Amino acid sequence: MDMAIRHAPRTRIVTVDTGRLPQETYDMMDTVRLRYGVSIEVILPDPNEVERMVARHGLNLFRADPSFRKLCCHLRKVRPLENRLDRSIDAWATGLRREQSPERATIEKVEVDAAGRVKLNPLADWSRQQVDDYIKAHDVPVHPLLEQGYRTIGCAPCSRAVLPGEDERSGRWWWEQDGGKECGIHVTPDGKMKRTLDVLLEEILH
């Protein structure tokens, strides 16, 4: 985002508020807004969908089974973002890097997503050290939790600090023993997990 605004100050900044974010993330949004003088478009999930999901499966359904976690991610993150991107947006950019996880190891700097939009991953080949160097060189604001050992930050109950020797994504959904550490925005579930998610979504959405 820092790079984008330097080259194109009117770049649209979009983020998803799942309703379960840590307070530090909301503080970071205000820090960014004030530092760069930008308006942040905050996308919220459909309250009716979330209400039906919670009524059927509980507030902390994500702990029970990976399929419920993916359902929660889908309703709170994936669907809201997809709905916003579908509104005449031709291209979007992310901060994905190949070294973050095996699931991200093959991402390209320029891709076309499932909806035919151009998806830019300008940091795809960057290392963590290059990111840290850029932050220092340009005095980029840093999320408070990064300084507490977090390397990836999502919802509060689904994120923790990374232990020595662990990969960056190990701090997300750490109780899951199998499957990729993804929510579905960038790497979609496939096979049996996708079929299970489709059934769960059908129950909630219809």
C-alpha atoms as a PDB file:
ATOM      1  CA  MET A   1       0.000   0.000   0.000  1.00  0.00           C
ATOM      2  CA  ASP A   2       2.853   2.377   0.802  1.00  0.00           C
ATOM      3  CA  MET A   3       4.276   1.780  -2.691  1.00  0.00           C
ATOM      4  CA  ALA A   4       0.916   2.188  -4.385  1.00  0.00           C
ATOM      5  CA  ILE A   5       0.154   5.515  -2.731  1.00  0.00           C
ATOM      6  CA  ARG A   6       3.614   6.863  -3.586  1.00  0.00           C
ATOM      7  CA  HIS A   7       2.950   6.177  -7.277  1.00  0.00           C
ATOM      8  CA  ALA A   8      -0.827   6.743  -7.342  1.00  0.00           C
ATOM      9  CA  PRO A   9      -2.135   8.736  -4.352  1.00  0.00           C
ATOM     10  CA  ARG A  10      -5.763   8.046  -5.307  1.00  0.00           C
ATOM     11  CA  THR A  11      -5.370   4.266  -5.039  1.00  0.00           C
ATOM     12  CA  ARG A  12      -8.418   2.687  -3.388  1.00  0.00           C
ATOM     13  CA  ILE A  13      -7.628   0.958  -0.084  1.00  0.00           C
ATOM     14  CA  VAL A  14     -10.024  -1.834   0.824  1.00  0.00           C
ATOM     15  CA  THR A  15     -10.070  -4.061   3.902  1.00  0.00           C
ATOM     16  CA  VAL A  16     -12.466  -6.605   5.392  1.00  0.00           C
ATOM     17  CA  ASP A  17     -13.707  -6.288   8.965  1.00  0.00           C
ATOM     18  CA  THR A  18     -14.810  -9.793   9.920  1.00  0.00           C
ATOM     19  CA  GLY A  19     -16.230  -8.708  13.259  1.00  0.00           C
ATOM     20  CA  ARG A  20     -13.578 -10.749  15.120  1.00  0.00           C
ATOM     21  CA  LEU A  21     -10.460  -8.631  14.541  1.00  0.00           C
ATOM     22  CA  PRO A  22      -8.077  -7.700  17.377  1.00  0.00           C
ATOM     23  CA  GLN A  23      -8.257  -4.130  18.655  1.00  0.00           C
ATOM     24  CA  GLU A  24      -4.720  -3.541  17.374  1.00  0.00           C
ATOM     25  CA  THR A  25      -5.965  -3.985  13.807  1.00  0.00           C
ATOM     26  CA  TYR A  26      -8.602  -1.280  14.220  1.00  0.00           C
ATOM     27  CA  ASP A  27      -5.925   0.978  15.704  1.00  0.00           C
ATOM     28  CA  MET A  28      -3.723   0.230  12.689  1.00  0.00           C
ATOM     29  CA  MET A  29      -6.509   1.258  10.315  1.00  0.00           C
ATOM     30  CA  ASP A  30      -6.651   4.664  11.996  1.00  0.00           C
ATOM     31  CA  THR A  31      -2.857   4.950  11.936  1.00  0.00           C
ATOM     32  CA  VAL A  32      -2.806   4.283   8.191  1.00  0.00           C
ATOM     33  CA  ARG A  33      -5.690   6.652   7.491  1.00  0.00           C
ATOM     34  CA  LEU A  34      -4.020   9.511   9.336  1.00  0.00           C
ATOM     35  CA  ARG A  35      -0.480   8.822   8.118  1.00  0.00           C
ATOM     36  CA  TYR A  36      -1.352   8.635   4.422  1.00  0.00           C
ATOM     37  CA  GLY A  37      -4.439  10.835   4.332  1.00  0.00           C
ATOM     38  CA  VAL A  38      -6.485   8.104   2.685  1.00  0.00           C
ATOM     39  CA  SER A  39      -9.996   6.816   3.064  1.00  0.00           C
ATOM     40  CA  ILE A  40     -10.173   3.116   3.901  1.00  0.00           C
ATOM     41  CA  GLU A  41     -13.141   1.220   2.516  1.00  0.00           C
ATOM     42  CA  VAL A  42     -14.143  -1.178   5.296  1.00  0.00           C
ATOM     43  CA  ILE A  43     -16.190  -4.133   4.083  1.00  0.00           C
ATOM     44  CA  LEU A  44     -18.468  -5.941   6.527  1.00  0.00           C
ATOM     45  CA  PRO A  45     -20.011  -9.423   6.217  1.00  0.00           C
ATOM     46  CA  ASP A  46     -23.743  -9.842   5.768  1.00  0.00           C
ATOM     47  CA  PRO A  47     -25.117  -9.781   9.357  1.00  0.00           C
ATOM     48  CA  ASN A  48     -27.970 -12.122   8.479  1.00  0.00           C
ATOM     49  CA  GLU A  49     -25.589 -14.748   7.094  1.00  0.00           C
ATOM     50  CA  VAL A  50     -23.347 -14.509  10.148  1.00  0.00           C
ATOM     51  CA  GLU A  51     -26.353 -14.699  12.459  1.00  0.00           C
ATOM     52  CA  ARG A  52     -27.624 -17.867  10.780  1.00  0.00           C
ATOM     53  CA  MET A  53     -24.174 -19.447  10.892  1.00  0.00           C
ATOM     54  CA  VAL A  54     -23.713 -18.687  14.597  1.00  0.00           C
ATOM     55  CA  ALA A  55     -27.230 -19.877  15.451  1.00  0.00           C
ATOM     56  CA  ARG A  56     -26.592 -23.195  13.704  1.00  0.00           C
ATOM     57  CA  HIS A  57     -22.950 -23.856  14.636  1.00  0.00           C
ATOM     58  CA  GLY A  58     -22.039 -21.574  17.565  1.00  0.00           C
ATOM     59  CA  LEU A  59     -19.787 -18.547  17.998  1.00  0.00           C
ATOM     60  CA  ASN A  60     -16.531 -20.497  17.934  1.00  0.00           C
ATOM     61  CA  LEU A  61     -17.427 -23.043  15.275  1.00  0.00           C
ATOM     62  CA  PHE A  62     -13.972 -22.708  13.702  1.00  0.00           C
ATOM     63  CA  ARG A  63     -12.469 -24.782  16.524  1.00  0.00           C
ATOM     64  CA  ALA A  64     -14.708 -27.777  15.908  1.00  0.00           C
ATOM     65  CA  ASP A  65     -13.642 -28.816  12.422  1.00  0.00           C
ATOM     66  CA  PRO A  66     -11.663 -27.398   9.446  1.00  0.00           C
ATOM     67  CA  SER A  67     -14.829 -27.341   7.340  1.00  0.00           C
ATOM     68  CA  PHE A  68     -16.554 -25.084   9.884  1.00  0.00           C
ATOM     69  CA  ARG A  69     -13.487 -22.848   9.984  1.00  0.00           C
ATOM     70  CA  LYS A  70     -13.587 -22.474   6.218  1.00  0.00           C
ATOM     71  CA  LEU A  71     -17.317 -21.739   6.433  1.00  0.00           C
ATOM     72  CA  CYS A  72     -16.633 -18.980   8.943  1.00  0.00           C
ATOM     73  CA  CYS A  73     -13.840 -17.549   6.780  1.00  0.00           C
ATOM     74  CA  HIS A  74     -16.031 -17.718   3.697  1.00  0.00           C
ATOM     75  CA  LEU A  75     -18.962 -15.828   5.211  1.00  0.00           C
ATOM     76  CA  ARG A  76     -16.898 -13.300   7.139  1.00  0.00           C
ATOM     77  CA  LYS A  77     -14.122 -12.661   4.583  1.00  0.00           C
ATOM     78  CA  VAL A  78     -14.408 -14.258   1.174  1.00  0.00           C
ATOM     79  CA  ARG A  79     -18.005 -13.403   0.252  1.00  0.00           C
ATOM     80  CA  PRO A  80     -17.814  -9.764   1.424  1.00  0.00           C
ATOM     81  CA  LEU A  81     -14.618  -9.177  -0.563  1.00  0.00           C
ATOM     82  CA  GLU A  82     -15.942 -10.942  -3.654  1.00  0.00           C
ATOM     83  CA  ASN A  83     -19.096  -8.820  -3.531  1.00  0.00           C
ATOM     84  CA  ARG A  84     -17.037  -5.614  -3.423  1.00  0.00           C
ATOM     85  CA  LEU A  85     -14.637  -6.727  -6.151  1.00  0.00           C
ATOM     86  CA  ASP A  86     -17.554  -7.601  -8.406  1.00  0.00           C
ATOM     87  CA  ARG A  87     -18.578  -3.948  -8.537  1.00  0.00           C
ATOM     88  CA  SER A  88     -16.789  -2.908 -11.727  1.00  0.00           C
ATOM     89  CA  ILE A  89     -13.253  -3.493 -10.424  1.00  0.00           C
ATOM     90  CA  ASP A  90     -10.897  -4.634 -13.174  1.00  0.00           C
ATOM     91  CA  ALA A  91      -7.762  -5.204 -11.089  1.00  0.00           C
ATOM     92  CA  TRP A  92      -6.662  -5.521  -7.477  1.00  0.00           C
ATOM     93  CA  ALA A  93      -3.384  -5.904  -5.603  1.00  0.00           C
ATOM     94  CA  THR A  94      -2.335  -8.004  -2.615  1.00  0.00           C
ATOM     95  CA  GLY A  95       0.722  -8.437  -0.417  1.00  0.00           C
ATOM     96  CA  LEU A  96       1.185 -12.158  -1.062  1.00  0.00           C
ATOM     97  CA  ARG A  97       4.736 -13.530  -1.024  1.00  0.00           C
ATOM     98  CA  ARG A  98       5.909 -16.941  -2.235  1.00  0.00           C
ATOM     99  CA  GLU A  99       7.962 -17.727   0.847  1.00  0.00           C
ATOM    100  CA  GLN A 100       4.986 -17.315   3.182  1.00  0.00           C
ATOM    101  CA  SER A 101       3.731 -20.874   2.717  1.00  0.00           C
ATOM    102  CA  PRO A 102       3.826 -23.884   0.365  1.00  0.00           C
ATOM    103  CA  GLU A 103       0.359 -22.923  -0.904  1.00  0.00           C
ATOM    104  CA  ARG A 104       1.733 -19.557  -2.062  1.00  0.00           C
ATOM    105  CA  ALA A 105       5.015 -20.826  -3.499  1.00  0.00           C
ATOM    106  CA  THR A 106       3.880 -20.629  -7.130  1.00  0.00           C
ATOM    107  CA  ILE A 107       2.073 -17.294  -7.190  1.00  0.00           C
ATOM    108  CA  GLU A 108       2.972 -14.942 -10.029  1.00  0.00           C
ATOM    109  CA  LYS A 109       3.346 -11.186  -9.886  1.00  0.00           C
ATOM    110  CA  VAL A 110       0.520 -10.807 -12.385  1.00  0.00           C
ATOM    111  CA  GLU A 111      -2.350 -13.300 -12.424  1.00  0.00           C
ATOM    112  CA  VAL A 112      -5.961 -13.470 -13.521  1.00  0.00           C
ATOM    113  CA  ASP A 113      -8.378 -14.486 -10.776  1.00  0.00           C
ATOM    114  CA  ALA A 114     -11.396 -16.763 -11.114  1.00  0.00           C
ATOM    115  CA  ALA A 115     -13.619 -13.827 -12.072  1.00  0.00           C
ATOM    116  CA  GLY A 116     -11.290 -12.671 -14.853  1.00  0.00           C
ATOM    117  CA  ARG A 117      -9.854  -9.685 -12.968  1.00  0.00           C
ATOM    118  CA  VAL A 118      -6.153  -8.893 -13.018  1.00  0.00           C
ATOM    119  CA  LYS A 119      -4.626  -9.766  -9.648  1.00  0.00           C
ATOM    120  CA  LEU A 120      -1.295  -8.128  -8.820  1.00  0.00           C
ATOM    121  CA  ASN A 121       1.131  -9.611  -6.292  1.00  0.00           C
ATOM    122  CA  PRO A 122       4.022  -7.112  -6.482  1.00  0.00           C
ATOM    123  CA  LEU A 123       5.827  -8.605  -3.462  1.00  0.00           C
ATOM    124  CA  ALA A 124       5.621 -12.195  -4.717  1.00  0.00           C
ATOM    125  CA  ASP A 125       9.379 -12.715  -4.906  1.00  0.00           C
ATOM    126  CA  TRP A 126      10.286 -10.621  -1.856  1.00  0.00           C
ATOM    127  CA  SER A 127      11.841 -12.164   1.247  1.00  0.00           C
ATOM    128  CA  ARG A 128      10.862 -11.240   4.788  1.00  0.00           C
ATOM    129  CA  GLN A 129      14.190  -9.406   5.074  1.00  0.00           C
ATOM    130  CA  GLN A 130      13.372  -7.286   2.014  1.00  0.00           C
ATOM    131  CA  VAL A 131      10.030  -6.372   3.547  1.00  0.00           C
ATOM    132  CA  ASP A 132      11.698  -5.397   6.826  1.00  0.00           C
ATOM    133  CA  ASP A 133      14.330  -3.363   4.963  1.00  0.00           C
ATOM    134  CA  TYR A 134      11.660  -1.486   3.012  1.00  0.00           C
ATOM    135  CA  ILE A 135       9.740  -0.733   6.201  1.00  0.00           C
ATOM    136  CA  LYS A 136      12.839   0.762   7.806  1.00  0.00           C
ATOM    137  CA  ALA A 137      13.908   2.682   4.717  1.00  0.00           C
ATOM    138  CA  HIS A 138      10.513   4.325   4.229  1.00  0.00           C
ATOM    139  CA  ASP A 139       9.343   4.518   7.849  1.00  0.00           C
ATOM    140  CA  VAL A 140       6.240   2.448   7.105  1.00  0.00           C
ATOM    141  CA  PRO A 141       3.815   2.061  10.045  1.00  0.00           C
ATOM    142  CA  VAL A 142       3.981  -1.426  11.549  1.00  0.00           C
ATOM    143  CA  HIS A 143       1.072  -3.362  13.008  1.00  0.00           C
ATOM    144  CA  PRO A 144       1.605  -3.529  16.810  1.00  0.00           C
ATOM    145  CA  LEU A 145       1.190  -7.313  16.890  1.00  0.00           C
ATOM    146  CA  LEU A 146       4.126  -7.824  14.505  1.00  0.00           C
ATOM    147  CA  GLU A 147       6.381  -6.557  17.246  1.00  0.00           C
ATOM    148  CA  GLN A 148       4.933  -9.238  19.529  1.00  0.00           C
ATOM    149  CA  GLY A 149       5.972 -12.103  17.259  1.00  0.00           C
ATOM    150  CA  TYR A 150       2.960 -12.300  14.951  1.00  0.00           C
ATOM    151  CA  ARG A 151       3.862 -12.830  11.293  1.00  0.00           C
ATOM    152  CA  THR A 152       0.347 -13.095   9.899  1.00  0.00           C
ATOM    153  CA  ILE A 153      -2.648 -11.414  11.482  1.00  0.00           C
ATOM    154  CA  GLY A 154      -6.286 -12.269  10.940  1.00  0.00           C
ATOM    155  CA  CYS A 155      -9.132 -12.681  13.390  1.00  0.00           C
ATOM    156  CA  ALA A 156      -8.174 -12.500  17.072  1.00  0.00           C
ATOM    157  CA  PRO A 157      -9.103 -16.084  18.025  1.00  0.00           C
ATOM    158  CA  CYS A 158      -7.407 -17.483  14.909  1.00  0.00           C
ATOM    159  CA  SER A 159      -3.999 -15.769  15.119  1.00  0.00           C
ATOM    160  CA  ARG A 160      -1.053 -16.180  17.470  1.00  0.00           C
ATOM    161  CA  ALA A 161       2.621 -15.327  17.601  1.00  0.00           C
ATOM    162  CA  VAL A 162       4.954 -17.535  15.584  1.00  0.00           C
ATOM    163  CA  LEU A 163       7.405 -19.684  17.520  1.00  0.00           C
ATOM    164  CA  PRO A 164      11.116 -19.930  16.611  1.00  0.00           C
ATOM    165  CA  GLY A 165      11.624 -22.183  13.595  1.00  0.00           C
ATOM    166  CA  GLU A 166       7.990 -22.048  12.471  1.00  0.00           C
ATOM    167  CA  ASP A 167       6.921 -20.721   9.074  1.00  0.00           C
ATOM    168  CA  GLU A 168       4.999 -17.468   8.823  1.00  0.00           C
ATOM    169  CA  ARG A 169       1.576 -19.061   8.353  1.00  0.00           C
ATOM    170  CA  SER A 170       1.910 -21.392  11.336  1.00  0.00           C
ATOM    171  CA  GLY A 171       0.392 -18.720  13.559  1.00  0.00           C
ATOM    172  CA  ARG A 172      -2.959 -19.068  11.807  1.00  0.00           C
ATOM    173  CA  TRP A 173      -5.428 -21.820  12.800  1.00  0.00           C
ATOM    174  CA  TRP A 174      -2.582 -23.590  14.586  1.00  0.00           C
ATOM    175  CA  TRP A 175      -4.928 -26.228  16.040  1.00  0.00           C
ATOM    176  CA  GLU A 176      -5.509 -27.674  12.555  1.00  0.00           C
ATOM    177  CA  GLN A 177      -3.138 -30.544  11.857  1.00  0.00           C
ATOM    178  CA  ASP A 178      -3.881 -31.026   8.164  1.00  0.00           C
ATOM    179  CA  GLY A 179      -4.688 -28.775   5.216  1.00  0.00           C
ATOM    180  CA  GLY A 180      -3.380 -25.435   4.002  1.00  0.00           C
ATOM    181  CA  LYS A 181      -3.353 -22.330   6.143  1.00  0.00           C
ATOM    182  CA  GLU A 182      -5.636 -20.348   3.854  1.00  0.00           C
ATOM    183  CA  CYS A 183      -9.053 -18.733   4.239  1.00  0.00           C
ATOM    184  CA  GLY A 184     -10.142 -19.065   0.622  1.00  0.00           C
ATOM    185  CA  ILE A 185      -9.524 -15.529  -0.625  1.00  0.00           C
ATOM    186  CA  HIS A 186      -6.269 -16.458  -2.360  1.00  0.00           C
ATOM    187  CA  VAL A 187      -6.140 -20.248  -2.302  1.00  0.00           C
ATOM    188  CA  THR A 188      -9.519 -21.937  -2.540  1.00  0.00           C
ATOM    189  CA  PRO A 189     -10.298 -25.287  -0.921  1.00  0.00           C
ATOM    190  CA  ASP A 190     -10.589 -28.200  -3.292  1.00  0.00           C
ATOM    191  CA  GLY A 191     -11.676 -31.824  -3.353  1.00  0.00           C
ATOM    192  CA  LYS A 192     -13.626 -33.138  -0.403  1.00  0.00           C
ATOM    193  CA  MET A 193     -13.187 -29.917   1.602  1.00  0.00           C
ATOM    194  CA  LYS A 194     -14.797 -27.847  -1.155  1.00  0.00           C
ATOM    195  CA  ARG A 195     -17.726 -30.228  -1.426  1.00  0.00           C
ATOM    196  CA  THR A 196     -18.237 -30.098   2.337  1.00  0.00           C
ATOM    197  CA  LEU A 197     -18.049 -26.289   2.315  1.00  0.00           C
ATOM    198  CA  ASP A 198     -20.601 -26.121  -0.501  1.00  0.00           C
ATOM    199  CA  VAL A 199     -23.051 -28.190   1.555  1.00  0.00           C
ATOM    200  CA  LEU A 200     -22.576 -26.016   4.635  1.00  0.00           C
ATOM    201  CA  LEU A 201     -23.000 -22.839   2.593  1.00  0.00           C
ATOM    202  CA  GLU A 202     -26.190 -24.177   1.055  1.00  0.00           C
ATOM    203  CA  GLU A 203     -27.633 -24.622   4.550  1.00  0.00           C
ATOM    204  CA  ILE A 204     -26.793 -21.048   5.544  1.00  0.00           C
ATOM    205  CA  LEU A 205     -27.518 -19.163   2.334  1.00  0.00           C
ATOM    206  CA  HIS A 206     -30.696 -20.992   1.339  1.00  0.00           C
END
